[in-house]
Amino acid sequence: MAAEIIAITQQKGGVGKSTIAMHLGAAFHEKNKRVLVVDADGQNTLIHWSSAASDDEHGIPFPVVNLSEAGSQIHREIKKFINDYDIIVVDCPPSITEKVSGVVLLAASVAVIPISSSPADYWSSVGLVKLVQQAQVMNEDLRAVFLLNKTEEKRMLTRELKSVLEELGFPLLKTQIPTRECYKQAMALGQTVLQMSDRGSRLAAAEIRACADEILGMFS
C-alpha cells in the first residue's frame, strides 16, 4: 500500500512548520507506522536537527531525507519512497512563490497549515488557501486543515483567530500546540519531546499525540 503524504505548509516562515513535521513523524513512528520525514525547505532545519544527537540511540528514530534541491521535481523523488513507508511527512518551504509547495500538494493526502496567533499568519494563510484550492482541482483527494500552533489560550487574539479561520473554508484541528520551551530543548538535543521525561515535555508529547490521532482519523 502506498504511503499517505502529509504536507506541512505555510506561506510565512516562523510558524513552527519544522517542529510540527518532526513531532508528527515521531508520533506516527510511536504508533508503529513506517515513517519518512522529508526536508524540502532550503534552510534544512530538519536535517540539522536530526544530526544534532550525541549518538544514534538517543537521536531521531526514523529517517529524515533532504529533498530541498529537488525543486519542481520533488514529487518524483517522493514517489521513490511511497512503497517503503506508511506515512511521508513533508516540511515545505515557506514561500508559495516557489513551485515546491504546489507540487507537493498535488501528491499529498493532507495539507496541515500551522498558524499562530499573529495577524500576519492569518493574512499569509489567505494566499495559501488559494494554492491549496488550486491543487484540489487536480488532486481531488487532498484535504486541508489548520493547526493552531504556538498558542497562548488566554490571549484574546487566539480566540478571535479561531473564529476568522472558519471563514477560510478549511477545518481547524481540535488539538492546539501551545508555546513550550521544551521544543527548543528537544531540537538542541537532536530529539523530540516524545523522548524526554520532564513535565513540560510530557504535556507537549500528549498534545502532539492528540494532533497525530486527529490526522490519522482523516485516513480512516
C-alpha atoms as a PDB file:
ATOM      1  CA  MET A   1       0.000   0.000   0.000  1.00  0.00           C
ATOM      2  CA  ALA A   2       1.357   3.414  -0.971  1.00  0.00           C
ATOM      3  CA  ALA A   3       2.273   5.888   1.745  1.00  0.00           C
ATOM      4  CA  GLU A   4      -0.032   8.701   2.788  1.00  0.00           C
ATOM      5  CA  ILE A   5       1.725  12.021   2.156  1.00  0.00           C
ATOM      6  CA  ILE A   6       1.226  14.819   4.665  1.00  0.00           C
ATOM      7  CA  ALA A   7       2.382  18.297   3.617  1.00  0.00           C
ATOM      8  CA  ILE A   8       3.202  20.754   6.403  1.00  0.00           C
ATOM      9  CA  THR A   9       2.884  24.064   4.632  1.00  0.00           C
ATOM     10  CA  GLN A  10       2.501  27.782   5.264  1.00  0.00           C
ATOM     11  CA  GLN A  11       3.342  30.829   3.164  1.00  0.00           C
ATOM     12  CA  LYS A  12       5.060  32.610   6.059  1.00  0.00           C
ATOM     13  CA  GLY A  13       8.101  31.393   7.972  1.00  0.00           C
ATOM     14  CA  GLY A  14       8.352  31.225  11.746  1.00  0.00           C
ATOM     15  CA  VAL A  15       5.074  29.398  12.363  1.00  0.00           C
ATOM     16  CA  GLY A  16       6.725  26.167  13.524  1.00  0.00           C
ATOM     17  CA  LYS A  17       6.424  24.044  10.381  1.00  0.00           C
ATOM     18  CA  SER A  18       9.610  22.114  11.033  1.00  0.00           C
ATOM     19  CA  THR A  19       8.757  21.479  14.680  1.00  0.00           C
ATOM     20  CA  ILE A  20       5.324  20.167  13.722  1.00  0.00           C
ATOM     21  CA  ALA A  21       6.712  17.998  10.900  1.00  0.00           C
ATOM     22  CA  MET A  22       9.332  16.323  13.085  1.00  0.00           C
ATOM     23  CA  HIS A  23       6.994  15.746  16.005  1.00  0.00           C
ATOM     24  CA  LEU A  24       4.172  14.360  13.896  1.00  0.00           C
ATOM     25  CA  GLY A  25       6.733  11.985  12.427  1.00  0.00           C
ATOM     26  CA  ALA A  26       7.682  10.926  15.955  1.00  0.00           C
ATOM     27  CA  ALA A  27       4.062  10.368  16.978  1.00  0.00           C
ATOM     28  CA  PHE A  28       3.342   8.278  13.879  1.00  0.00           C
ATOM     29  CA  HIS A  29       6.527   6.285  14.451  1.00  0.00           C
ATOM     30  CA  GLU A  30       5.428   5.626  18.026  1.00  0.00           C
ATOM     31  CA  LYS A  31       2.262   4.067  16.590  1.00  0.00           C
ATOM     32  CA  ASN A  32       4.425   1.597  14.649  1.00  0.00           C
ATOM     33  CA  LYS A  33       3.962   3.378  11.347  1.00  0.00           C
ATOM     34  CA  ARG A  34       6.829   3.289   8.879  1.00  0.00           C
ATOM     35  CA  VAL A  35       7.653   6.993   8.755  1.00  0.00           C
ATOM     36  CA  LEU A  36       9.811   9.101   6.480  1.00  0.00           C
ATOM     37  CA  VAL A  37      10.203  12.837   7.074  1.00  0.00           C
ATOM     38  CA  VAL A  38      11.231  14.947   4.075  1.00  0.00           C
ATOM     39  CA  ASP A  39      13.054  18.261   4.489  1.00  0.00           C
ATOM     40  CA  ALA A  40      12.006  20.292   1.440  1.00  0.00           C
ATOM     41  CA  ASP A  41      12.944  23.644   2.976  1.00  0.00           C
ATOM     42  CA  GLY A  42      16.247  25.157   1.880  1.00  0.00           C
ATOM     43  CA  GLN A  43      17.040  26.128   5.477  1.00  0.00           C
ATOM     44  CA  ASN A  44      17.406  22.379   6.189  1.00  0.00           C
ATOM     45  CA  THR A  45      16.246  22.722   9.788  1.00  0.00           C
ATOM     46  CA  LEU A  46      15.199  19.076   9.970  1.00  0.00           C
ATOM     47  CA  ILE A  47      18.492  17.828   8.572  1.00  0.00           C
ATOM     48  CA  HIS A  48      20.455  19.816  11.173  1.00  0.00           C
ATOM     49  CA  TRP A  49      18.032  18.705  13.874  1.00  0.00           C
ATOM     50  CA  SER A  50      18.318  15.016  13.016  1.00  0.00           C
ATOM     51  CA  SER A  51      22.122  15.185  13.103  1.00  0.00           C
ATOM     52  CA  ALA A  52      22.349  17.011  16.459  1.00  0.00           C
ATOM     53  CA  ALA A  53      22.076  13.948  18.731  1.00  0.00           C
ATOM     54  CA  SER A  54      25.177  12.737  20.519  1.00  0.00           C
ATOM     55  CA  ASP A  55      24.551   9.156  19.383  1.00  0.00           C
ATOM     56  CA  ASP A  56      22.097   7.106  17.298  1.00  0.00           C
ATOM     57  CA  GLU A  57      20.452   5.577  20.367  1.00  0.00           C
ATOM     58  CA  HIS A  58      19.144   8.925  21.602  1.00  0.00           C
ATOM     59  CA  GLY A  59      18.513  10.540  18.227  1.00  0.00           C
ATOM     60  CA  ILE A  60      15.548  10.795  15.873  1.00  0.00           C
ATOM     61  CA  PRO A  61      14.260   7.203  15.492  1.00  0.00           C
ATOM     62  CA  PHE A  62      13.162   7.449  11.846  1.00  0.00           C
ATOM     63  CA  PRO A  63      14.814   8.591   8.608  1.00  0.00           C
ATOM     64  CA  VAL A  64      14.928  12.247   7.561  1.00  0.00           C
ATOM     65  CA  VAL A  65      15.919  12.967   3.963  1.00  0.00           C
ATOM     66  CA  ASN A  66      16.920  16.195   2.264  1.00  0.00           C
ATOM     67  CA  LEU A  67      14.971  16.934  -0.923  1.00  0.00           C
ATOM     68  CA  SER A  68      15.306  20.714  -0.757  1.00  0.00           C
ATOM     69  CA  GLU A  69      17.238  20.769  -4.032  1.00  0.00           C
ATOM     70  CA  ALA A  70      14.647  18.754  -5.951  1.00  0.00           C
ATOM     71  CA  GLY A  71      12.609  21.820  -6.888  1.00  0.00           C
ATOM     72  CA  SER A  72       9.627  21.180  -9.136  1.00  0.00           C
ATOM     73  CA  GLN A  73      10.676  17.537  -9.488  1.00  0.00           C
ATOM     74  CA  ILE A  74      10.188  16.819  -5.799  1.00  0.00           C
ATOM     75  CA  HIS A  75       7.068  14.729  -6.402  1.00  0.00           C
ATOM     76  CA  ARG A  76       9.150  12.290  -8.457  1.00  0.00           C
ATOM     77  CA  GLU A  77      11.702  11.996  -5.669  1.00  0.00           C
ATOM     78  CA  ILE A  78       8.983  11.433  -3.061  1.00  0.00           C
ATOM     79  CA  LYS A  79       7.367   8.731  -5.191  1.00  0.00           C
ATOM     80  CA  LYS A  80      10.581   6.711  -4.957  1.00  0.00           C
ATOM     81  CA  PHE A  81       9.745   6.165  -1.285  1.00  0.00           C
ATOM     82  CA  ILE A  82       5.972   5.670  -1.272  1.00  0.00           C
ATOM     83  CA  ASN A  83       6.040   1.866  -1.339  1.00  0.00           C
ATOM     84  CA  ASP A  84       8.518   1.632   1.547  1.00  0.00           C
ATOM     85  CA  TYR A  85       6.650   3.749   4.097  1.00  0.00           C
ATOM     86  CA  ASP A  86       3.188   4.149   5.581  1.00  0.00           C
ATOM     87  CA  ILE A  87       3.420   7.905   6.086  1.00  0.00           C
ATOM     88  CA  ILE A  88       5.646  10.532   4.493  1.00  0.00           C
ATOM     89  CA  VAL A  89       5.674  13.942   6.207  1.00  0.00           C
ATOM     90  CA  VAL A  90       6.974  16.806   4.058  1.00  0.00           C
ATOM     91  CA  ASP A  91       8.221  20.081   5.570  1.00  0.00           C
ATOM     92  CA  CYS A  92       7.517  22.503   2.701  1.00  0.00           C
ATOM     93  CA  PRO A  93       9.387  25.791   2.161  1.00  0.00           C
ATOM     94  CA  PRO A  94       7.600  28.919   3.430  1.00  0.00           C
ATOM     95  CA  SER A  95       7.174  30.795   0.162  1.00  0.00           C
ATOM     96  CA  ILE A  96       4.332  29.779  -2.149  1.00  0.00           C
ATOM     97  CA  THR A  97       6.087  31.633  -4.976  1.00  0.00           C
ATOM     98  CA  GLU A  98       8.325  28.552  -5.177  1.00  0.00           C
ATOM     99  CA  LYS A  99       6.943  25.598  -7.112  1.00  0.00           C
ATOM    100  CA  VAL A 100       7.827  23.106  -4.379  1.00  0.00           C
ATOM    101  CA  SER A 101       4.763  23.588  -2.162  1.00  0.00           C
ATOM    102  CA  GLY A 102       2.341  23.424  -5.068  1.00  0.00           C
ATOM    103  CA  VAL A 103       3.935  20.274  -6.448  1.00  0.00           C
ATOM    104  CA  VAL A 104       3.887  18.553  -3.048  1.00  0.00           C
ATOM    105  CA  LEU A 105       0.209  19.433  -2.635  1.00  0.00           C
ATOM    106  CA  LEU A 106      -0.561  17.684  -5.920  1.00  0.00           C
ATOM    107  CA  ALA A 107       0.801  14.461  -4.401  1.00  0.00           C
ATOM    108  CA  ALA A 108      -0.413  14.896  -0.810  1.00  0.00           C
ATOM    109  CA  SER A 109      -3.367  13.360   1.003  1.00  0.00           C
ATOM    110  CA  VAL A 110      -3.471  16.036   3.700  1.00  0.00           C
ATOM    111  CA  ALA A 111      -2.126  19.565   3.994  1.00  0.00           C
ATOM    112  CA  VAL A 112      -1.557  20.719   7.575  1.00  0.00           C
ATOM    113  CA  ILE A 113      -1.378  24.507   7.822  1.00  0.00           C
ATOM    114  CA  PRO A 114       0.213  25.670  11.096  1.00  0.00           C
ATOM    115  CA  ILE A 115      -0.862  29.125  12.165  1.00  0.00           C
ATOM    116  CA  SER A 116      -0.069  31.124  15.286  1.00  0.00           C
ATOM    117  CA  SER A 117      -1.985  33.980  16.867  1.00  0.00           C
ATOM    118  CA  SER A 118      -0.226  36.585  14.708  1.00  0.00           C
ATOM    119  CA  PRO A 119      -2.353  38.615  12.265  1.00  0.00           C
ATOM    120  CA  ALA A 120       0.465  38.162   9.727  1.00  0.00           C
ATOM    121  CA  ASP A 121      -0.084  34.401   9.865  1.00  0.00           C
ATOM    122  CA  TYR A 122      -3.749  34.866   9.034  1.00  0.00           C
ATOM    123  CA  TRP A 123      -3.003  37.210   6.158  1.00  0.00           C
ATOM    124  CA  SER A 124      -0.456  34.818   4.674  1.00  0.00           C
ATOM    125  CA  SER A 125      -2.878  31.924   5.044  1.00  0.00           C
ATOM    126  CA  VAL A 126      -5.329  33.572   2.661  1.00  0.00           C
ATOM    127  CA  GLY A 127      -2.869  33.142  -0.220  1.00  0.00           C
ATOM    128  CA  LEU A 128      -2.063  29.584   0.833  1.00  0.00           C
ATOM    129  CA  VAL A 129      -5.744  28.641   0.885  1.00  0.00           C
ATOM    130  CA  LYS A 130      -5.953  29.665  -2.768  1.00  0.00           C
ATOM    131  CA  LEU A 131      -2.924  27.495  -3.577  1.00  0.00           C
ATOM    132  CA  VAL A 132      -4.487  24.501  -1.833  1.00  0.00           C
ATOM    133  CA  GLN A 133      -7.780  25.049  -3.636  1.00  0.00           C
ATOM    134  CA  GLN A 134      -5.946  25.137  -6.971  1.00  0.00           C
ATOM    135  CA  ALA A 135      -4.215  21.859  -6.093  1.00  0.00           C
ATOM    136  CA  GLN A 136      -7.551  20.296  -5.158  1.00  0.00           C
ATOM    137  CA  VAL A 137      -8.789  20.792  -8.721  1.00  0.00           C
ATOM    138  CA  MET A 138      -6.231  18.213  -9.886  1.00  0.00           C
ATOM    139  CA  ASN A 139      -5.843  16.285  -6.631  1.00  0.00           C
ATOM    140  CA  GLU A 140      -9.395  15.588  -5.515  1.00  0.00           C
ATOM    141  CA  ASP A 141      -8.196  13.504  -2.555  1.00  0.00           C
ATOM    142  CA  LEU A 142      -6.350  16.435  -0.967  1.00  0.00           C
ATOM    143  CA  ARG A 143      -7.812  17.681   2.301  1.00  0.00           C
ATOM    144  CA  ALA A 144      -6.509  20.626   4.310  1.00  0.00           C
ATOM    145  CA  VAL A 145      -6.684  21.530   7.987  1.00  0.00           C
ATOM    146  CA  PHE A 146      -5.462  24.402  10.108  1.00  0.00           C
ATOM    147  CA  LEU A 147      -3.403  23.727  13.233  1.00  0.00           C
ATOM    148  CA  LEU A 148      -3.184  26.400  15.907  1.00  0.00           C
ATOM    149  CA  ASN A 149       0.473  26.384  16.919  1.00  0.00           C
ATOM    150  CA  LYS A 150       2.456  28.417  19.451  1.00  0.00           C
ATOM    151  CA  THR A 151      -0.832  29.307  21.105  1.00  0.00           C
ATOM    152  CA  GLU A 152      -1.477  31.205  24.298  1.00  0.00           C
ATOM    153  CA  GLU A 153      -5.096  30.409  25.120  1.00  0.00           C
ATOM    154  CA  LYS A 154      -5.597  33.355  27.474  1.00  0.00           C
ATOM    155  CA  ARG A 155      -4.838  35.837  24.730  1.00  0.00           C
ATOM    156  CA  MET A 156      -7.963  37.308  23.139  1.00  0.00           C
ATOM    157  CA  LEU A 157      -6.294  37.235  19.727  1.00  0.00           C
ATOM    158  CA  THR A 158      -6.095  33.440  19.782  1.00  0.00           C
ATOM    159  CA  ARG A 159      -9.843  33.153  20.445  1.00  0.00           C
ATOM    160  CA  GLU A 160     -10.629  35.645  17.682  1.00  0.00           C
ATOM    161  CA  LEU A 161      -8.351  33.778  15.292  1.00  0.00           C
ATOM    162  CA  LYS A 162     -10.385  30.593  15.713  1.00  0.00           C
ATOM    163  CA  SER A 163     -13.426  32.470  14.507  1.00  0.00           C
ATOM    164  CA  VAL A 164     -11.870  34.084  11.436  1.00  0.00           C
ATOM    165  CA  LEU A 165     -10.185  30.834  10.344  1.00  0.00           C
ATOM    166  CA  GLU A 166     -13.619  29.287   9.883  1.00  0.00           C
ATOM    167  CA  GLU A 167     -14.249  31.848   7.151  1.00  0.00           C
ATOM    168  CA  LEU A 168     -11.340  30.497   5.077  1.00  0.00           C
ATOM    169  CA  GLY A 169     -13.142  27.219   4.497  1.00  0.00           C
ATOM    170  CA  PHE A 170     -10.800  24.582   5.946  1.00  0.00           C
ATOM    171  CA  PRO A 171     -11.485  22.893   9.294  1.00  0.00           C
ATOM    172  CA  LEU A 172      -9.431  23.589  12.391  1.00  0.00           C
ATOM    173  CA  LEU A 173      -7.949  20.673  14.305  1.00  0.00           C
ATOM    174  CA  LYS A 174      -9.312  20.459  17.842  1.00  0.00           C
ATOM    175  CA  THR A 175      -5.820  19.997  19.264  1.00  0.00           C
ATOM    176  CA  GLN A 176      -3.734  23.117  19.835  1.00  0.00           C
ATOM    177  CA  ILE A 177       0.030  23.176  20.284  1.00  0.00           C
ATOM    178  CA  PRO A 178       0.954  25.753  22.961  1.00  0.00           C
ATOM    179  CA  THR A 179       4.276  27.537  23.157  1.00  0.00           C
ATOM    180  CA  ARG A 180       6.652  25.400  25.229  1.00  0.00           C
ATOM    181  CA  GLU A 181      10.373  25.769  25.847  1.00  0.00           C
ATOM    182  CA  CYS A 182      10.864  22.007  25.626  1.00  0.00           C
ATOM    183  CA  TYR A 183      10.596  22.090  21.831  1.00  0.00           C
ATOM    184  CA  LYS A 184      13.778  24.160  21.624  1.00  0.00           C
ATOM    185  CA  GLN A 185      15.499  21.823  24.072  1.00  0.00           C
ATOM    186  CA  ALA A 186      14.474  18.790  22.041  1.00  0.00           C
ATOM    187  CA  MET A 187      15.850  20.312  18.848  1.00  0.00           C
ATOM    188  CA  ALA A 188      19.177  21.119  20.518  1.00  0.00           C
ATOM    189  CA  LEU A 189      19.445  17.512  21.710  1.00  0.00           C
ATOM    190  CA  GLY A 190      18.543  16.051  18.335  1.00  0.00           C
ATOM    191  CA  GLN A 191      15.419  14.506  19.846  1.00  0.00           C
ATOM    192  CA  THR A 192      11.669  15.087  20.100  1.00  0.00           C
ATOM    193  CA  VAL A 193       9.612  15.791  23.208  1.00  0.00           C
ATOM    194  CA  LEU A 194       8.281  12.216  22.993  1.00  0.00           C
ATOM    195  CA  GLN A 195      11.760  11.070  24.046  1.00  0.00           C
ATOM    196  CA  MET A 196      12.045  13.455  27.009  1.00  0.00           C
ATOM    197  CA  SER A 197      10.696  12.971  30.530  1.00  0.00           C
ATOM    198  CA  ASP A 198      10.277  16.361  32.230  1.00  0.00           C
ATOM    199  CA  ARG A 199       6.771  17.651  32.932  1.00  0.00           C
ATOM    200  CA  GLY A 200       6.705  20.204  30.119  1.00  0.00           C
ATOM    201  CA  SER A 201       7.802  17.578  27.621  1.00  0.00           C
ATOM    202  CA  ARG A 202       5.178  15.118  28.823  1.00  0.00           C
ATOM    203  CA  LEU A 203       2.450  17.727  28.340  1.00  0.00           C
ATOM    204  CA  ALA A 204       3.806  18.590  24.900  1.00  0.00           C
ATOM    205  CA  ALA A 205       4.007  14.921  23.927  1.00  0.00           C
ATOM    206  CA  ALA A 206       0.351  14.398  24.882  1.00  0.00           C
ATOM    207  CA  GLU A 207      -0.660  17.324  22.672  1.00  0.00           C
ATOM    208  CA  ILE A 208       1.398  16.050  19.743  1.00  0.00           C
ATOM    209  CA  ARG A 209      -0.087  12.558  20.088  1.00  0.00           C
ATOM    210  CA  ALA A 210      -3.599  14.012  20.104  1.00  0.00           C
ATOM    211  CA  CYS A 211      -2.811  16.020  16.981  1.00  0.00           C
ATOM    212  CA  ALA A 212      -1.427  12.927  15.250  1.00  0.00           C
ATOM    213  CA  ASP A 213      -4.549  10.955  16.214  1.00  0.00           C
ATOM    214  CA  GLU A 214      -6.766  13.588  14.600  1.00  0.00           C
ATOM    215  CA  ILE A 215      -4.763  13.449  11.378  1.00  0.00           C
ATOM    216  CA  LEU A 216      -4.743   9.658  11.311  1.00  0.00           C
ATOM    217  CA  GLY A 217      -8.504   9.788  11.723  1.00  0.00           C
ATOM    218  CA  MET A 218      -8.717  11.608   8.397  1.00  0.00           C
ATOM    219  CA  PHE A 219      -7.414   8.491   6.638  1.00  0.00           C
ATOM    220  CA  SER A 220      -9.994   6.091   8.050  1.00  0.00           C
END
